[in-house]
Amino acid sequence: MKEYALIEEVTLIALTVRYFPEGIGEAFNTWMHMLPDSQDKVFFGVSYPDQEGSLIYKAAVSQAFDGESEQYAYENYVLSKGK
């Protein structure tokens, strides 16, 4: 896995994948079809373990403007700057 250091905070619109890894492609296809400007978006895959140790995976796209996640009724997710 490759790590990146973010220079500034990034706000994302996130969709939690129910079935990992099978549902990843479907989740990103959802974004591609739903967002009119998807070709201009930056896509992210965010994963972390939950309290039981199961993997949580979020298919996410960069937010173009404040409140965009609410427009689509999906989760607002913030990647903090740094590593």
Protein backbone atom coordinates (compact mmCIF):
# COMPACT_ATOMS: atom_id res chain seq x y z
CA MET A 1 0.00 0.00 0.00
CA LYS A 2 1.30 3.43 -0.90
CA GLU A 3 1.10 6.28 1.60
CA TYR A 4 0.67 9.91 0.68
CA ALA A 5 1.20 13.08 2.69
CA LEU A 6 -1.56 15.64 2.17
CA ILE A 7 -0.54 19.29 2.12
CA GLU A 8 -4.04 20.44 3.02
CA GLU A 9 -7.26 18.93 4.33
CA VAL A 10 -9.47 17.28 1.67
CA THR A 11 -13.25 17.03 2.01
CA LEU A 12 -14.79 14.00 0.33
CA ILE A 13 -18.19 12.57 -0.47
CA ALA A 14 -18.03 8.96 0.72
CA LEU A 15 -19.98 5.78 0.11
CA THR A 16 -19.29 2.84 2.42
CA VAL A 17 -18.78 -0.40 0.50
CA ARG A 18 -20.93 -3.15 2.02
CA TYR A 19 -19.04 -6.10 0.58
CA PHE A 20 -15.27 -5.81 0.47
CA PRO A 21 -13.59 -6.27 -1.94
CA GLU A 22 -16.41 -7.32 -4.29
CA GLY A 23 -18.35 -4.05 -3.99
CA ILE A 24 -15.53 -1.62 -4.74
CA GLY A 25 -16.06 -1.47 -8.51
CA GLU A 26 -19.80 -1.04 -8.14
CA ALA A 27 -19.33 1.82 -5.66
CA PHE A 28 -17.02 3.74 -7.97
CA ASN A 29 -19.36 3.08 -10.92
CA THR A 30 -22.13 4.63 -8.81
CA TRP A 31 -20.08 7.82 -8.54
CA MET A 32 -19.23 7.84 -12.24
CA HIS A 33 -22.92 7.64 -13.24
CA MET A 34 -24.35 9.89 -10.53
CA LEU A 35 -21.98 12.86 -10.63
CA PRO A 36 -22.25 15.00 -13.75
CA ASP A 37 -18.65 16.21 -13.45
CA SER A 38 -17.10 12.87 -12.45
CA GLN A 39 -14.28 13.20 -14.98
CA ASP A 40 -13.10 16.27 -13.04
CA LYS A 41 -13.19 14.54 -9.64
CA VAL A 42 -10.33 13.01 -7.70
CA PHE A 43 -11.26 9.50 -6.51
CA PHE A 44 -10.12 8.00 -3.21
CA GLY A 45 -10.29 4.61 -1.56
CA VAL A 46 -10.21 4.97 2.23
CA SER A 47 -9.93 1.92 4.48
CA TYR A 48 -9.54 1.35 8.20
CA PRO A 49 -10.41 -1.37 10.73
CA ASP A 50 -13.55 -1.09 12.85
CA GLN A 51 -13.66 -1.96 16.58
CA GLU A 52 -14.01 -5.68 15.82
CA GLY A 53 -11.11 -5.65 13.37
CA SER A 54 -13.22 -5.88 10.18
CA LEU A 55 -12.17 -3.66 7.31
CA ILE A 56 -14.29 -0.60 6.51
CA TYR A 57 -13.78 0.63 2.93
CA LYS A 58 -15.12 3.91 1.60
CA ALA A 59 -15.26 4.76 -2.09
CA ALA A 60 -14.97 8.53 -2.14
CA VAL A 61 -14.67 11.51 -4.47
CA SER A 62 -13.43 15.03 -3.91
CA GLN A 63 -16.11 17.53 -3.01
CA ALA A 64 -16.38 20.38 -5.55
CA PHE A 65 -18.10 22.79 -3.15
CA ASP A 66 -19.11 22.96 0.51
CA GLY A 67 -22.29 20.97 1.13
CA GLU A 68 -22.04 18.83 -2.00
CA SER A 69 -22.20 15.63 0.07
CA GLU A 70 -25.58 16.70 1.50
CA GLN A 71 -26.89 17.31 -2.03
CA TYR A 72 -26.36 13.62 -2.80
CA ALA A 73 -27.28 12.39 0.71
CA TYR A 74 -23.95 10.64 1.22
CA GLU A 75 -21.39 10.88 3.96
CA ASN A 76 -19.11 13.87 4.30
CA TYR A 77 -15.60 12.53 5.06
CA VAL A 78 -12.54 14.64 5.80
CA LEU A 79 -8.97 13.55 5.17
CA SER A 80 -6.73 15.52 7.50
CA LYS A 81 -3.52 17.01 6.19
CA GLY A 82 -0.33 15.15 6.88
CA LYS A 83 0.48 11.44 6.66
